[in-house]
Amino acid sequence: MKPVVSIIMGSTSDLPVMEKTAKILDEFEIPFEINALSAHRTPAEVEKFAKGASERGIKVIIAAAGMAAHLPGVIASMTSIPVIGVPIKASLEGLDALLAIVQMPPGIPVATVGINGAMNAGILAAQILATGDTNVAEKLSAYKESLKDKIVKANEELSEVKFAFKTN
């Protein structure tokens, strides 16, 4: 099994957040790899990874970083593979990371999810892959339908909640 998605973290301390990405990719049966690389501490390894990802069959890169969150942008500057940035809440409530990732210069886009939005990063990667993979597209469709079912069930449960002035 060869990975088609690469999850890159600036540090293994990001793993508790990024496990949500891994769980989604597992659910959709999308092969992936996880590595730690730092734009600041291992720049040569980041460059080697980014420039070689396409040859290795990687179709989407999900890069997580906190604080001085340059990793997603640095990777995006070295590859034409779609990069999804996950800002990690490490300081300043994660706003520093969010702004560092989302404020990319023209020509170097990084799709960015919310702070600690690792689950959405996995879903977005699946959506990108689904454009050329009917199996993933079918799994996504079923997943989206299950989200609807959860809300229908929640409303049924809420109908049983009683308050003196509740009208429904």
N, C-alpha and C. Protein backbone atom coordinates (compact mmCIF):
# COMPACT_ATOMS: atom_id res chain seq x y z
N MET A 1 0.85 -1.17 0.00
CA MET A 1 0.00 0.00 0.00
C MET A 1 0.90 1.24 0.00
N LYS A 2 0.67 2.13 -0.95
CA LYS A 2 1.47 3.35 -1.06
C LYS A 2 0.63 4.54 -0.62
N PRO A 3 1.22 5.45 0.15
CA PRO A 3 0.45 6.61 0.61
C PRO A 3 0.10 7.56 -0.53
N VAL A 4 -1.09 8.14 -0.45
CA VAL A 4 -1.49 9.20 -1.39
C VAL A 4 -1.67 10.53 -0.66
N VAL A 5 -1.73 10.47 0.67
CA VAL A 5 -1.80 11.67 1.49
C VAL A 5 -0.62 11.64 2.45
N SER A 6 -0.02 12.80 2.65
CA SER A 6 1.06 12.91 3.61
C SER A 6 0.65 13.90 4.69
N ILE A 7 0.70 13.44 5.94
CA ILE A 7 0.45 14.30 7.09
C ILE A 7 1.82 14.69 7.65
N ILE A 8 2.08 15.98 7.68
CA ILE A 8 3.35 16.48 8.17
C ILE A 8 3.08 17.39 9.36
N MET A 9 3.81 17.17 10.42
CA MET A 9 3.68 17.99 11.63
C MET A 9 5.01 18.65 11.93
N GLY A 10 4.94 19.86 12.44
CA GLY A 10 6.15 20.56 12.84
C GLY A 10 6.81 19.91 14.03
N SER A 11 6.02 19.16 14.82
CA SER A 11 6.53 18.51 16.02
C SER A 11 5.58 17.38 16.39
N THR A 12 6.08 16.36 17.05
CA THR A 12 5.21 15.27 17.48
C THR A 12 4.22 15.73 18.55
N SER A 13 4.44 16.90 19.13
CA SER A 13 3.46 17.43 20.08
C SER A 13 2.14 17.77 19.38
N ASP A 14 2.14 17.83 18.05
CA ASP A 14 0.93 18.09 17.26
C ASP A 14 0.10 16.83 17.03
N LEU A 15 0.64 15.68 17.38
CA LEU A 15 -0.04 14.41 17.10
C LEU A 15 -1.42 14.29 17.72
N PRO A 16 -1.64 14.71 18.97
CA PRO A 16 -3.00 14.59 19.52
C PRO A 16 -4.06 15.30 18.67
N VAL A 17 -3.70 16.40 18.03
CA VAL A 17 -4.63 17.09 17.13
C VAL A 17 -4.71 16.34 15.80
N MET A 18 -3.57 15.97 15.25
CA MET A 18 -3.52 15.40 13.91
C MET A 18 -4.03 13.96 13.84
N GLU A 19 -4.21 13.31 14.98
CA GLU A 19 -4.82 11.97 14.98
C GLU A 19 -6.22 12.01 14.36
N LYS A 20 -6.89 13.16 14.47
CA LYS A 20 -8.23 13.29 13.88
C LYS A 20 -8.17 13.18 12.36
N THR A 21 -7.11 13.72 11.77
CA THR A 21 -6.92 13.56 10.32
C THR A 21 -6.72 12.09 9.98
N ALA A 22 -5.85 11.44 10.74
CA ALA A 22 -5.54 10.02 10.49
C ALA A 22 -6.80 9.16 10.62
N LYS A 23 -7.63 9.44 11.60
CA LYS A 23 -8.86 8.65 11.79
C LYS A 23 -9.81 8.81 10.61
N ILE A 24 -9.93 10.02 10.09
CA ILE A 24 -10.80 10.24 8.92
C ILE A 24 -10.25 9.52 7.70
N LEU A 25 -8.95 9.63 7.47
CA LEU A 25 -8.35 8.95 6.32
C LEU A 25 -8.51 7.44 6.45
N ASP A 26 -8.35 6.91 7.67
CA ASP A 26 -8.61 5.48 7.91
C ASP A 26 -10.05 5.13 7.57
N GLU A 27 -10.99 5.97 8.03
CA GLU A 27 -12.41 5.71 7.78
C GLU A 27 -12.72 5.64 6.29
N PHE A 28 -12.06 6.50 5.51
CA PHE A 28 -12.28 6.52 4.06
C PHE A 28 -11.35 5.56 3.32
N GLU A 29 -10.53 4.81 4.07
CA GLU A 29 -9.59 3.83 3.51
C GLU A 29 -8.62 4.47 2.52
N ILE A 30 -8.08 5.62 2.92
CA ILE A 30 -7.12 6.35 2.10
C ILE A 30 -5.73 6.14 2.71
N PRO A 31 -4.81 5.53 1.97
CA PRO A 31 -3.46 5.30 2.50
C PRO A 31 -2.72 6.63 2.74
N PHE A 32 -2.07 6.72 3.89
CA PHE A 32 -1.38 7.95 4.25
C PHE A 32 -0.11 7.64 5.03
N GLU A 33 0.73 8.64 5.14
CA GLU A 33 1.93 8.57 5.95
C GLU A 33 1.91 9.74 6.93
N ILE A 34 2.63 9.61 8.04
CA ILE A 34 2.76 10.69 9.02
C ILE A 34 4.24 10.88 9.33
N ASN A 35 4.67 12.12 9.25
CA ASN A 35 6.06 12.46 9.57
C ASN A 35 6.13 13.79 10.27
N ALA A 36 7.19 14.00 11.03
CA ALA A 36 7.48 15.29 11.64
C ALA A 36 8.62 15.93 10.87
N LEU A 37 8.40 17.15 10.42
CA LEU A 37 9.42 17.94 9.75
C LEU A 37 9.27 19.38 10.24
N SER A 38 10.33 20.10 10.33
CA SER A 38 10.27 21.48 10.80
C SER A 38 10.86 22.41 9.75
N ALA A 39 10.09 23.43 9.40
CA ALA A 39 10.58 24.42 8.45
C ALA A 39 11.80 25.15 8.99
N HIS A 40 11.92 25.20 10.32
CA HIS A 40 13.01 25.95 10.93
C HIS A 40 14.17 25.07 11.40
N ARG A 41 13.86 23.86 11.85
CA ARG A 41 14.92 22.99 12.40
C ARG A 41 15.46 22.00 11.38
N THR A 42 14.63 21.62 10.39
CA THR A 42 15.07 20.65 9.38
C THR A 42 14.72 21.14 7.97
N PRO A 43 15.15 22.33 7.58
CA PRO A 43 14.75 22.88 6.28
C PRO A 43 15.19 22.03 5.08
N ALA A 44 16.35 21.41 5.15
CA ALA A 44 16.81 20.58 4.03
C ALA A 44 15.91 19.36 3.86
N GLU A 45 15.47 18.76 4.97
CA GLU A 45 14.57 17.61 4.89
C GLU A 45 13.20 18.01 4.37
N VAL A 46 12.73 19.20 4.75
CA VAL A 46 11.45 19.71 4.24
C VAL A 46 11.54 19.87 2.73
N GLU A 47 12.63 20.44 2.26
CA GLU A 47 12.81 20.63 0.82
C GLU A 47 12.85 19.29 0.09
N LYS A 48 13.60 18.35 0.62
CA LYS A 48 13.68 17.02 0.00
C LYS A 48 12.29 16.37 -0.05
N PHE A 49 11.55 16.46 1.06
CA PHE A 49 10.20 15.90 1.10
C PHE A 49 9.31 16.56 0.05
N ALA A 50 9.25 17.88 0.07
CA ALA A 50 8.33 18.61 -0.81
C ALA A 50 8.64 18.36 -2.29
N LYS A 51 9.90 18.39 -2.63
CA LYS A 51 10.28 18.22 -4.03
C LYS A 51 10.15 16.78 -4.51
N GLY A 52 10.13 15.81 -3.58
CA GLY A 52 10.01 14.40 -3.97
C GLY A 52 8.63 13.80 -3.77
N ALA A 53 7.71 14.55 -3.19
CA ALA A 53 6.39 14.00 -2.85
C ALA A 53 5.63 13.51 -4.08
N SER A 54 5.64 14.27 -5.14
CA SER A 54 4.90 13.89 -6.35
C SER A 54 5.43 12.58 -6.93
N GLU A 55 6.73 12.44 -6.99
CA GLU A 55 7.34 11.21 -7.52
C GLU A 55 6.95 9.99 -6.70
N ARG A 56 6.70 10.21 -5.40
CA ARG A 56 6.33 9.10 -4.53
C ARG A 56 4.83 8.81 -4.56
N GLY A 57 4.07 9.56 -5.35
CA GLY A 57 2.64 9.30 -5.50
C GLY A 57 1.75 10.06 -4.54
N ILE A 58 2.30 11.01 -3.79
CA ILE A 58 1.49 11.81 -2.88
C ILE A 58 0.61 12.75 -3.70
N LYS A 59 -0.68 12.78 -3.36
CA LYS A 59 -1.64 13.62 -4.09
C LYS A 59 -2.10 14.83 -3.28
N VAL A 60 -2.04 14.74 -1.95
CA VAL A 60 -2.42 15.83 -1.06
C VAL A 60 -1.48 15.82 0.14
N ILE A 61 -1.06 17.01 0.55
CA ILE A 61 -0.23 17.15 1.74
C ILE A 61 -1.02 17.94 2.77
N ILE A 62 -1.07 17.42 3.98
CA ILE A 62 -1.69 18.13 5.10
C ILE A 62 -0.57 18.48 6.05
N ALA A 63 -0.33 19.78 6.22
CA ALA A 63 0.79 20.24 7.04
C ALA A 63 0.27 21.03 8.24
N ALA A 64 0.64 20.58 9.43
CA ALA A 64 0.20 21.23 10.66
C ALA A 64 1.37 21.95 11.31
N ALA A 65 1.08 23.13 11.83
CA ALA A 65 2.13 23.88 12.52
C ALA A 65 1.50 24.89 13.47
N GLY A 66 2.20 25.15 14.54
CA GLY A 66 1.77 26.16 15.50
C GLY A 66 2.83 27.24 15.63
N MET A 67 2.45 28.30 16.31
CA MET A 67 3.34 29.43 16.57
C MET A 67 3.85 30.01 15.24
N ALA A 68 5.16 30.00 15.00
CA ALA A 68 5.70 30.49 13.73
C ALA A 68 5.41 29.42 12.68
N ALA A 69 4.18 29.40 12.18
CA ALA A 69 3.65 28.29 11.40
C ALA A 69 3.99 28.41 9.92
N HIS A 70 5.25 28.26 9.60
CA HIS A 70 5.70 28.41 8.22
C HIS A 70 5.68 27.11 7.43
N LEU A 71 5.56 25.98 8.09
CA LEU A 71 5.69 24.69 7.41
C LEU A 71 4.76 24.52 6.21
N PRO A 72 3.45 24.77 6.33
CA PRO A 72 2.58 24.58 5.15
C PRO A 72 2.99 25.45 3.97
N GLY A 73 3.30 26.71 4.23
CA GLY A 73 3.68 27.61 3.15
C GLY A 73 5.01 27.26 2.52
N VAL A 74 5.96 26.85 3.31
CA VAL A 74 7.27 26.45 2.78
C VAL A 74 7.08 25.24 1.87
N ILE A 75 6.31 24.26 2.33
CA ILE A 75 6.04 23.08 1.49
C ILE A 75 5.34 23.50 0.20
N ALA A 76 4.31 24.34 0.31
CA ALA A 76 3.56 24.78 -0.87
C ALA A 76 4.44 25.52 -1.87
N SER A 77 5.48 26.18 -1.37
CA SER A 77 6.36 26.92 -2.28
C SER A 77 7.24 26.01 -3.12
N MET A 78 7.31 24.72 -2.74
CA MET A 78 8.23 23.79 -3.40
C MET A 78 7.54 22.67 -4.16
N THR A 79 6.19 22.70 -4.22
CA THR A 79 5.47 21.63 -4.91
C THR A 79 4.18 22.17 -5.51
N SER A 80 3.66 21.48 -6.50
CA SER A 80 2.36 21.85 -7.06
C SER A 80 1.24 20.96 -6.50
N ILE A 81 1.58 20.07 -5.58
CA ILE A 81 0.59 19.24 -4.91
C ILE A 81 -0.24 20.13 -3.98
N PRO A 82 -1.56 19.93 -3.92
CA PRO A 82 -2.37 20.73 -2.98
C PRO A 82 -1.88 20.54 -1.55
N VAL A 83 -1.75 21.66 -0.84
CA VAL A 83 -1.34 21.65 0.56
C VAL A 83 -2.50 22.21 1.40
N ILE A 84 -2.85 21.46 2.44
CA ILE A 84 -3.86 21.90 3.39
C ILE A 84 -3.14 22.21 4.69
N GLY A 85 -3.29 23.42 5.17
CA GLY A 85 -2.65 23.83 6.41
C GLY A 85 -3.59 23.68 7.59
N VAL A 86 -3.05 23.15 8.68
CA VAL A 86 -3.80 23.04 9.94
C VAL A 86 -3.07 23.89 10.98
N PRO A 87 -3.65 25.04 11.34
CA PRO A 87 -3.04 25.85 12.39
C PRO A 87 -3.26 25.18 13.75
N ILE A 88 -2.19 25.02 14.50
CA ILE A 88 -2.24 24.37 15.81
C ILE A 88 -2.29 25.43 16.91
N LYS A 89 -3.17 25.22 17.85
CA LYS A 89 -3.29 26.14 18.99
C LYS A 89 -2.14 25.90 19.95
N ALA A 90 -1.07 26.64 19.77
CA ALA A 90 0.11 26.48 20.62
C ALA A 90 0.34 27.73 21.46
N SER A 91 0.04 28.89 20.90
CA SER A 91 0.15 30.16 21.62
C SER A 91 -0.86 31.13 21.01
N LEU A 92 -1.14 32.19 21.71
CA LEU A 92 -2.08 33.22 21.23
C LEU A 92 -3.39 32.62 20.72
N GLU A 93 -3.84 31.55 21.39
CA GLU A 93 -5.07 30.85 21.03
C GLU A 93 -5.04 30.29 19.60
N GLY A 94 -3.86 30.19 19.01
CA GLY A 94 -3.71 29.66 17.65
C GLY A 94 -3.85 30.70 16.56
N LEU A 95 -4.17 31.94 16.93
CA LEU A 95 -4.35 32.98 15.91
C LEU A 95 -3.07 33.28 15.15
N ASP A 96 -1.92 33.21 15.83
CA ASP A 96 -0.65 33.43 15.16
C ASP A 96 -0.43 32.40 14.07
N ALA A 97 -0.73 31.14 14.38
CA ALA A 97 -0.57 30.06 13.40
C ALA A 97 -1.56 30.22 12.25
N LEU A 98 -2.80 30.54 12.57
CA LEU A 98 -3.83 30.73 11.54
C LEU A 98 -3.39 31.81 10.56
N LEU A 99 -2.97 32.95 11.07
CA LEU A 99 -2.58 34.05 10.19
C LEU A 99 -1.33 33.71 9.38
N ALA A 100 -0.38 33.01 9.99
CA ALA A 100 0.84 32.63 9.27
C ALA A 100 0.52 31.70 8.11
N ILE A 101 -0.46 30.83 8.29
CA ILE A 101 -0.79 29.85 7.24
C ILE A 101 -1.69 30.45 6.17
N VAL A 102 -2.67 31.23 6.57
CA VAL A 102 -3.66 31.71 5.61
C VAL A 102 -3.17 32.91 4.78
N GLN A 103 -2.22 33.67 5.30
CA GLN A 103 -1.75 34.87 4.61
C GLN A 103 -0.59 34.57 3.67
N MET A 104 -0.85 33.76 2.67
CA MET A 104 0.20 33.38 1.72
C MET A 104 0.27 34.39 0.58
N PRO A 105 1.46 34.57 0.01
CA PRO A 105 1.59 35.50 -1.12
C PRO A 105 0.95 34.93 -2.38
N PRO A 106 0.60 35.80 -3.33
CA PRO A 106 0.01 35.32 -4.59
C PRO A 106 0.89 34.25 -5.25
N GLY A 107 0.24 33.20 -5.71
CA GLY A 107 0.94 32.12 -6.41
C GLY A 107 1.32 30.96 -5.53
N ILE A 108 1.18 31.11 -4.20
CA ILE A 108 1.55 30.03 -3.27
C ILE A 108 0.34 29.77 -2.35
N PRO A 109 -0.73 29.19 -2.89
CA PRO A 109 -1.90 28.97 -2.04
C PRO A 109 -1.72 27.81 -1.06
N VAL A 110 -2.31 27.97 0.10
CA VAL A 110 -2.43 26.90 1.08
C VAL A 110 -3.88 26.89 1.54
N ALA A 111 -4.60 25.81 1.24
CA ALA A 111 -5.96 25.69 1.76
C ALA A 111 -5.82 25.58 3.27
N THR A 112 -6.61 26.34 4.00
CA THR A 112 -6.43 26.39 5.45
C THR A 112 -7.75 26.10 6.16
N VAL A 113 -7.69 25.19 7.11
CA VAL A 113 -8.87 24.87 7.93
C VAL A 113 -8.76 25.67 9.23
N GLY A 114 -9.76 25.56 10.07
CA GLY A 114 -9.76 26.28 11.33
C GLY A 114 -8.68 25.80 12.29
N ILE A 115 -8.49 26.55 13.34
CA ILE A 115 -7.50 26.21 14.36
C ILE A 115 -7.83 24.83 14.94
N ASN A 116 -6.84 23.95 14.93
CA ASN A 116 -6.97 22.55 15.35
C ASN A 116 -8.01 21.79 14.51
N GLY A 117 -8.27 22.25 13.30
CA GLY A 117 -9.29 21.66 12.43
C GLY A 117 -8.81 20.45 11.65
N ALA A 118 -8.14 19.55 12.33
CA ALA A 118 -7.53 18.38 11.67
C ALA A 118 -8.56 17.47 11.02
N MET A 119 -9.72 17.33 11.63
CA MET A 119 -10.75 16.47 11.04
C MET A 119 -11.18 17.03 9.68
N ASN A 120 -11.42 18.34 9.62
CA ASN A 120 -11.80 18.94 8.35
C ASN A 120 -10.69 18.84 7.31
N ALA A 121 -9.44 18.87 7.75
CA ALA A 121 -8.32 18.71 6.81
C ALA A 121 -8.39 17.34 6.15
N GLY A 122 -8.69 16.31 6.94
CA GLY A 122 -8.82 14.97 6.39
C GLY A 122 -9.98 14.86 5.42
N ILE A 123 -11.10 15.49 5.77
CA ILE A 123 -12.27 15.46 4.88
C ILE A 123 -11.97 16.22 3.59
N LEU A 124 -11.32 17.37 3.70
CA LEU A 124 -10.96 18.13 2.49
C LEU A 124 -10.01 17.34 1.61
N ALA A 125 -9.05 16.65 2.20
CA ALA A 125 -8.15 15.81 1.41
C ALA A 125 -8.95 14.72 0.68
N ALA A 126 -9.90 14.12 1.38
CA ALA A 126 -10.74 13.10 0.75
C ALA A 126 -11.55 13.70 -0.39
N GLN A 127 -12.06 14.90 -0.21
CA GLN A 127 -12.83 15.55 -1.27
C GLN A 127 -11.96 15.83 -2.50
N ILE A 128 -10.72 16.24 -2.27
CA ILE A 128 -9.81 16.46 -3.39
C ILE A 128 -9.56 15.15 -4.12
N LEU A 129 -9.29 14.09 -3.39
CA LEU A 129 -9.04 12.78 -4.00
C LEU A 129 -10.28 12.23 -4.70
N ALA A 130 -11.45 12.53 -4.16
CA ALA A 130 -12.70 12.01 -4.72
C ALA A 130 -12.97 12.52 -6.13
N THR A 131 -12.35 13.61 -6.53
CA THR A 131 -12.56 14.11 -7.89
C THR A 131 -12.06 13.12 -8.94
N GLY A 132 -11.17 12.22 -8.52
CA GLY A 132 -10.66 11.22 -9.46
C GLY A 132 -10.77 9.80 -8.95
N ASP A 133 -11.54 9.59 -7.88
CA ASP A 133 -11.66 8.26 -7.28
C ASP A 133 -13.10 8.03 -6.84
N THR A 134 -13.83 7.23 -7.61
CA THR A 134 -15.25 7.01 -7.30
C THR A 134 -15.46 6.29 -5.97
N ASN A 135 -14.52 5.45 -5.58
CA ASN A 135 -14.63 4.76 -4.30
C ASN A 135 -14.63 5.75 -3.14
N VAL A 136 -13.70 6.70 -3.18
CA VAL A 136 -13.64 7.72 -2.14
C VAL A 136 -14.87 8.61 -2.22
N ALA A 137 -15.31 8.93 -3.44
CA ALA A 137 -16.50 9.76 -3.61
C ALA A 137 -17.73 9.11 -2.98
N GLU A 138 -17.87 7.80 -3.14
CA GLU A 138 -19.00 7.09 -2.54
C GLU A 138 -18.92 7.10 -1.01
N LYS A 139 -17.73 6.91 -0.48
CA LYS A 139 -17.56 6.95 0.98
C LYS A 139 -17.88 8.34 1.53
N LEU A 140 -17.47 9.38 0.80
CA LEU A 140 -17.77 10.75 1.21
C LEU A 140 -19.27 11.01 1.20
N SER A 141 -19.92 10.53 0.17
CA SER A 141 -21.37 10.72 0.07
C SER A 141 -22.08 10.07 1.26
N ALA A 142 -21.67 8.86 1.60
CA ALA A 142 -22.26 8.16 2.75
C ALA A 142 -21.95 8.91 4.04
N TYR A 143 -20.74 9.43 4.16
CA TYR A 143 -20.35 10.18 5.35
C TYR A 143 -21.22 11.42 5.51
N LYS A 144 -21.40 12.17 4.42
CA LYS A 144 -22.22 13.38 4.46
C LYS A 144 -23.67 13.05 4.82
N GLU A 145 -24.16 11.94 4.32
CA GLU A 145 -25.53 11.51 4.65
C GLU A 145 -25.62 11.19 6.14
N SER A 146 -24.56 10.59 6.70
CA SER A 146 -24.58 10.27 8.13
C SER A 146 -24.61 11.53 8.99
N LEU A 147 -24.01 12.61 8.49
CA LEU A 147 -24.07 13.88 9.22
C LEU A 147 -25.50 14.39 9.29
N LYS A 148 -26.22 14.24 8.20
CA LYS A 148 -27.62 14.64 8.15
C LYS A 148 -28.43 13.79 9.13
N ASP A 149 -28.16 12.50 9.14
CA ASP A 149 -28.88 11.59 10.04
C ASP A 149 -28.67 11.95 11.50
N LYS A 150 -27.47 12.41 11.85
CA LYS A 150 -27.18 12.80 13.23
C LYS A 150 -28.05 13.98 13.66
N ILE A 151 -28.25 14.93 12.76
CA ILE A 151 -29.07 16.10 13.09
C ILE A 151 -30.54 15.71 13.20
N VAL A 152 -31.00 14.85 12.32
CA VAL A 152 -32.39 14.38 12.39
C VAL A 152 -32.61 13.69 13.74
N LYS A 153 -31.68 12.83 14.13
CA LYS A 153 -31.79 12.13 15.41
C LYS A 153 -31.73 13.11 16.58
N ALA A 154 -30.85 14.10 16.49
CA ALA A 154 -30.74 15.10 17.55
C ALA A 154 -32.05 15.85 17.74
N ASN A 155 -32.71 16.19 16.64
CA ASN A 155 -33.99 16.89 16.74
C ASN A 155 -35.08 16.01 17.33
N GLU A 156 -35.04 14.73 17.03
CA GLU A 156 -36.00 13.80 17.64
C GLU A 156 -35.79 13.75 19.16
N GLU A 157 -34.52 13.71 19.57
CA GLU A 157 -34.21 13.70 21.00
C GLU A 157 -34.60 15.02 21.66
N LEU A 158 -34.37 16.13 20.97
CA LEU A 158 -34.74 17.43 21.52
C LEU A 158 -36.26 17.58 21.67
N SER A 159 -37.01 16.88 20.84
CA SER A 159 -38.47 16.98 20.95
C SER A 159 -38.96 16.37 22.27
N GLU A 160 -38.15 15.52 22.87
CA GLU A 160 -38.51 14.90 24.15
C GLU A 160 -38.12 15.77 25.36
N VAL A 161 -37.29 16.78 25.15
CA VAL A 161 -36.86 17.65 26.23
C VAL A 161 -38.02 18.59 26.58
N LYS A 162 -38.35 18.64 27.86
CA LYS A 162 -39.52 19.42 28.31
C LYS A 162 -39.10 20.63 29.13
N PHE A 163 -39.70 21.76 28.82
CA PHE A 163 -39.59 23.00 29.58
C PHE A 163 -40.97 23.62 29.60
N ALA A 164 -41.26 24.40 30.62
CA ALA A 164 -42.58 24.99 30.79
C ALA A 164 -42.98 25.86 29.60
N PHE A 165 -42.04 26.59 29.01
CA PHE A 165 -42.39 27.49 27.93
C PHE A 165 -41.85 27.04 26.57
N LYS A 166 -41.39 25.83 26.48
CA LYS A 166 -40.90 25.27 25.19
C LYS A 166 -42.12 24.92 24.34
N THR A 167 -42.12 25.39 23.10
CA THR A 167 -43.30 25.21 22.25
C THR A 167 -43.20 24.06 21.26
N ASN A 168 -42.06 23.42 21.15
CA ASN A 168 -41.98 22.29 20.21
C ASN A 168 -41.53 21.02 20.88
